[in-house]
Amino acid sequence: MNIGIRIDNNEDGYIDGPALELALRLSGAVGPDHAPIGADSYGLSISIDDEGARELLRLISKEG
């Protein structure tokens, strides 16, 4: 299972600061090996693998 997240460029053609920060924090929280960030001319994509998804659920459960 992979979870795909897409962050598209805004109307000016770039990624807004909060969206970029979200991508970086998400990848950093579960580990870049489990949630690598890809980029193309349309924006960013994050693909979270099984282990990354479990780690993300663990982190979210702690916060709640």
C-alpha atoms as a PDB file:
ATOM      1  CA  MET A   1       0.000   0.000   0.000  1.00  0.00           C
ATOM      2  CA  ASN A   2       1.209   3.480  -0.823  1.00  0.00           C
ATOM      3  CA  ILE A   3      -0.494   6.736   0.066  1.00  0.00           C
ATOM      4  CA  GLY A   4      -0.016   9.443  -2.535  1.00  0.00           C
ATOM      5  CA  ILE A   5      -0.268  13.130  -1.701  1.00  0.00           C
ATOM      6  CA  ARG A   6      -0.116  15.805  -4.388  1.00  0.00           C
ATOM      7  CA  ILE A   7       0.589  19.491  -3.729  1.00  0.00           C
ATOM      8  CA  ASP A   8       0.052  21.550  -6.869  1.00  0.00           C
ATOM      9  CA  ASN A   9       1.676  24.872  -7.651  1.00  0.00           C
ATOM     10  CA  ASN A  10      -0.462  27.924  -6.982  1.00  0.00           C
ATOM     11  CA  GLU A  11      -1.759  30.151  -9.781  1.00  0.00           C
ATOM     12  CA  ASP A  12       1.585  32.004  -9.849  1.00  0.00           C
ATOM     13  CA  GLY A  13       3.443  28.769 -10.561  1.00  0.00           C
ATOM     14  CA  TYR A  14       5.106  28.064  -7.228  1.00  0.00           C
ATOM     15  CA  ILE A  15       4.479  26.183  -3.977  1.00  0.00           C
ATOM     16  CA  ASP A  16       3.203  28.326  -1.105  1.00  0.00           C
ATOM     17  CA  GLY A  17       5.335  28.373   2.058  1.00  0.00           C
ATOM     18  CA  PRO A  18       2.850  26.494   4.287  1.00  0.00           C
ATOM     19  CA  ALA A  19       2.367  23.767   1.658  1.00  0.00           C
ATOM     20  CA  LEU A  20       6.122  23.302   1.287  1.00  0.00           C
ATOM     21  CA  GLU A  21       6.546  23.213   5.064  1.00  0.00           C
ATOM     22  CA  LEU A  22       3.806  20.577   5.321  1.00  0.00           C
ATOM     23  CA  ALA A  23       5.553  18.383   2.746  1.00  0.00           C
ATOM     24  CA  LEU A  24       8.918  18.708   4.470  1.00  0.00           C
ATOM     25  CA  ARG A  25       7.519  18.069   7.947  1.00  0.00           C
ATOM     26  CA  LEU A  26       5.501  15.073   6.809  1.00  0.00           C
ATOM     27  CA  SER A  27       8.478  13.497   5.080  1.00  0.00           C
ATOM     28  CA  GLY A  28      10.716  14.276   8.048  1.00  0.00           C
ATOM     29  CA  ALA A  29       8.257  12.887  10.594  1.00  0.00           C
ATOM     30  CA  VAL A  30       8.005   9.443   9.034  1.00  0.00           C
ATOM     31  CA  GLY A  31      11.466   9.435   7.459  1.00  0.00           C
ATOM     32  CA  PRO A  32      12.506  10.366   3.936  1.00  0.00           C
ATOM     33  CA  ASP A  33      13.031   6.669   3.134  1.00  0.00           C
ATOM     34  CA  HIS A  34       9.330   6.068   3.807  1.00  0.00           C
ATOM     35  CA  ALA A  35       7.891   9.307   2.392  1.00  0.00           C
ATOM     36  CA  PRO A  36      10.105  10.669  -0.361  1.00  0.00           C
ATOM     37  CA  ILE A  37       9.187  13.992  -1.934  1.00  0.00           C
ATOM     38  CA  GLY A  38       9.180  14.221  -5.716  1.00  0.00           C
ATOM     39  CA  ALA A  39       8.926  17.395  -7.746  1.00  0.00           C
ATOM     40  CA  ASP A  40       7.919  18.257 -11.270  1.00  0.00           C
ATOM     41  CA  SER A  41       6.884  21.407 -13.097  1.00  0.00           C
ATOM     42  CA  TYR A  42       3.354  21.133 -11.668  1.00  0.00           C
ATOM     43  CA  GLY A  43       4.182  20.756  -7.973  1.00  0.00           C
ATOM     44  CA  LEU A  44       5.216  18.201  -5.372  1.00  0.00           C
ATOM     45  CA  SER A  45       4.232  14.619  -4.702  1.00  0.00           C
ATOM     46  CA  ILE A  46       4.770  12.549  -1.571  1.00  0.00           C
ATOM     47  CA  SER A  47       4.474   8.775  -1.638  1.00  0.00           C
ATOM     48  CA  ILE A  48       4.148   7.239   1.834  1.00  0.00           C
ATOM     49  CA  ASP A  49       4.871   3.502   2.070  1.00  0.00           C
ATOM     50  CA  ASP A  50       3.394   0.992   4.554  1.00  0.00           C
ATOM     51  CA  GLU A  51       5.951   1.621   7.273  1.00  0.00           C
ATOM     52  CA  GLY A  52       5.602   5.379   6.881  1.00  0.00           C
ATOM     53  CA  ALA A  53       1.810   5.106   7.135  1.00  0.00           C
ATOM     54  CA  ARG A  54       2.105   3.101  10.366  1.00  0.00           C
ATOM     55  CA  GLU A  55       4.508   5.681  11.799  1.00  0.00           C
ATOM     56  CA  LEU A  56       2.197   8.526  10.807  1.00  0.00           C
ATOM     57  CA  LEU A  57      -0.751   6.790  12.502  1.00  0.00           C
ATOM     58  CA  ARG A  58       1.368   6.284  15.622  1.00  0.00           C
ATOM     59  CA  LEU A  59       2.278   9.974  15.702  1.00  0.00           C
ATOM     60  CA  ILE A  60      -1.298  11.103  15.147  1.00  0.00           C
ATOM     61  CA  SER A  61      -2.577   8.755  17.859  1.00  0.00           C
ATOM     62  CA  LYS A  62      -0.111  10.251  20.359  1.00  0.00           C
ATOM     63  CA  GLU A  63      -1.383  13.762  19.595  1.00  0.00           C
ATOM     64  CA  GLY A  64      -5.041  12.856  20.109  1.00  0.00           C
END
